[in-house]
Amino acid sequence: MIFEIDFNRETDESTLEEIGAKLVSTGADKYPPFEIYKIELNTFEELEQLLNKVNLIKGKFYSAVINFDPPAIFLDYNV
């Protein structure tokens, strides 16, 4: 399944690209956002691997807030 993906508290485009997210046009030409990051995940194991990779890159423990309508993942670090 293809999910929109972003960080909940900050924006870090380099980390999003490093974990495999691709910048995709929204088709909007008048109001932003004009592009969003998307990633394909098909299993919970892939989600777990994604979180482990983000934790390693960022040096914090992240959790995923997942929405299915529309499909979106927001990465948030545990305070």
C-alpha atoms as a PDB file:
ATOM      1  CA  MET A   1       0.000   0.000   0.000  1.00  0.00           C
ATOM      2  CA  ILE A   2       1.278   3.466  -0.828  1.00  0.00           C
ATOM      3  CA  PHE A   3       1.277   5.947   2.069  1.00  0.00           C
ATOM      4  CA  GLU A   4       1.937   9.650   2.304  1.00  0.00           C
ATOM      5  CA  ILE A   5       4.773   9.978   4.830  1.00  0.00           C
ATOM      6  CA  ASP A   6       6.090  12.882   6.879  1.00  0.00           C
ATOM      7  CA  PHE A   7       7.400  13.764  10.310  1.00  0.00           C
ATOM      8  CA  ASN A   8       4.857  15.002  12.831  1.00  0.00           C
ATOM      9  CA  ARG A   9       6.993  17.633  14.594  1.00  0.00           C
ATOM     10  CA  GLU A  10       9.673  18.575  12.104  1.00  0.00           C
ATOM     11  CA  THR A  11      10.442  18.425   8.409  1.00  0.00           C
ATOM     12  CA  ASP A  12      13.451  16.377   7.335  1.00  0.00           C
ATOM     13  CA  GLU A  13      13.461  15.798   3.602  1.00  0.00           C
ATOM     14  CA  SER A  14      16.916  14.181   3.559  1.00  0.00           C
ATOM     15  CA  THR A  15      15.827  11.483   6.027  1.00  0.00           C
ATOM     16  CA  LEU A  16      12.617  10.871   4.080  1.00  0.00           C
ATOM     17  CA  GLU A  17      14.653  10.344   0.917  1.00  0.00           C
ATOM     18  CA  GLU A  18      17.156   8.141   2.777  1.00  0.00           C
ATOM     19  CA  ILE A  19      14.388   5.781   3.936  1.00  0.00           C
ATOM     20  CA  GLY A  20      13.089   5.446   0.388  1.00  0.00           C
ATOM     21  CA  ALA A  21      10.260   7.980   0.213  1.00  0.00           C
ATOM     22  CA  LYS A  22       9.679   9.585  -3.178  1.00  0.00           C
ATOM     23  CA  LEU A  23       8.535  13.143  -3.812  1.00  0.00           C
ATOM     24  CA  VAL A  24       5.250  13.046  -5.767  1.00  0.00           C
ATOM     25  CA  SER A  25       3.245  15.884  -7.276  1.00  0.00           C
ATOM     26  CA  THR A  26      -0.192  16.444  -5.734  1.00  0.00           C
ATOM     27  CA  GLY A  27      -1.557  17.879  -8.975  1.00  0.00           C
ATOM     28  CA  ALA A  28      -2.396  21.142  -7.221  1.00  0.00           C
ATOM     29  CA  ASP A  29      -1.267  24.279  -8.985  1.00  0.00           C
ATOM     30  CA  LYS A  30      -2.938  26.952  -6.886  1.00  0.00           C
ATOM     31  CA  TYR A  31      -2.630  25.959  -3.202  1.00  0.00           C
ATOM     32  CA  PRO A  32       0.179  24.067  -1.470  1.00  0.00           C
ATOM     33  CA  PRO A  33       1.299  21.430  -0.892  1.00  0.00           C
ATOM     34  CA  PHE A  34       2.359  20.939  -4.477  1.00  0.00           C
ATOM     35  CA  GLU A  35       4.451  17.850  -3.704  1.00  0.00           C
ATOM     36  CA  ILE A  36       4.348  15.267  -0.913  1.00  0.00           C
ATOM     37  CA  TYR A  37       6.509  12.312   0.036  1.00  0.00           C
ATOM     38  CA  LYS A  38       5.099   8.819  -0.480  1.00  0.00           C
ATOM     39  CA  ILE A  39       6.387   5.365   0.415  1.00  0.00           C
ATOM     40  CA  GLU A  40       5.154   1.857  -0.309  1.00  0.00           C
ATOM     41  CA  LEU A  41       4.802  -0.565   2.615  1.00  0.00           C
ATOM     42  CA  ASN A  42       3.098  -3.934   2.276  1.00  0.00           C
ATOM     43  CA  THR A  43       3.676  -5.618   5.649  1.00  0.00           C
ATOM     44  CA  PHE A  44       4.043  -4.705   9.297  1.00  0.00           C
ATOM     45  CA  GLU A  45       7.595  -6.072   9.096  1.00  0.00           C
ATOM     46  CA  GLU A  46       8.400  -3.402   6.496  1.00  0.00           C
ATOM     47  CA  LEU A  47       6.949  -0.770   8.836  1.00  0.00           C
ATOM     48  CA  GLU A  48       9.094  -2.100  11.687  1.00  0.00           C
ATOM     49  CA  GLN A  49      12.210  -1.977   9.470  1.00  0.00           C
ATOM     50  CA  LEU A  50      11.326   1.582   8.461  1.00  0.00           C
ATOM     51  CA  LEU A  51      11.008   2.685  12.096  1.00  0.00           C
ATOM     52  CA  ASN A  52      14.304   0.977  13.001  1.00  0.00           C
ATOM     53  CA  LYS A  53      16.038   2.797  10.150  1.00  0.00           C
ATOM     54  CA  VAL A  54      14.572   6.156  11.213  1.00  0.00           C
ATOM     55  CA  ASN A  55      15.616   5.500  14.837  1.00  0.00           C
ATOM     56  CA  LEU A  56      19.162   4.745  13.703  1.00  0.00           C
ATOM     57  CA  ILE A  57      19.395   7.828  11.468  1.00  0.00           C
ATOM     58  CA  LYS A  58      17.817  10.269  13.916  1.00  0.00           C
ATOM     59  CA  GLY A  59      19.195   8.845  17.191  1.00  0.00           C
ATOM     60  CA  LYS A  60      15.738   8.939  18.817  1.00  0.00           C
ATOM     61  CA  PHE A  61      12.935   6.425  19.195  1.00  0.00           C
ATOM     62  CA  TYR A  62      10.135   7.105  16.733  1.00  0.00           C
ATOM     63  CA  SER A  63       6.614   5.760  16.546  1.00  0.00           C
ATOM     64  CA  ALA A  64       4.254   5.779  13.588  1.00  0.00           C
ATOM     65  CA  VAL A  65       0.796   7.312  13.570  1.00  0.00           C
ATOM     66  CA  ILE A  66      -1.001   5.560  10.717  1.00  0.00           C
ATOM     67  CA  ASN A  67      -4.147   6.666   8.932  1.00  0.00           C
ATOM     68  CA  PHE A  68      -5.885   4.634   6.234  1.00  0.00           C
ATOM     69  CA  ASP A  69      -8.325   7.199   4.811  1.00  0.00           C
ATOM     70  CA  PRO A  70      -6.307   8.734   3.197  1.00  0.00           C
ATOM     71  CA  PRO A  71      -3.300   6.415   3.670  1.00  0.00           C
ATOM     72  CA  ALA A  72      -0.710   8.372   5.631  1.00  0.00           C
ATOM     73  CA  ILE A  73       2.099   7.728   8.115  1.00  0.00           C
ATOM     74  CA  PHE A  74       3.336  10.432  10.458  1.00  0.00           C
ATOM     75  CA  LEU A  75       6.601   9.717  12.267  1.00  0.00           C
ATOM     76  CA  ASP A  76       6.801  11.108  15.788  1.00  0.00           C
ATOM     77  CA  TYR A  77       9.575  10.790  18.348  1.00  0.00           C
ATOM     78  CA  ASN A  78       8.825   9.654  21.873  1.00  0.00           C
ATOM     79  CA  VAL A  79       9.504  12.419  24.354  1.00  0.00           C
END
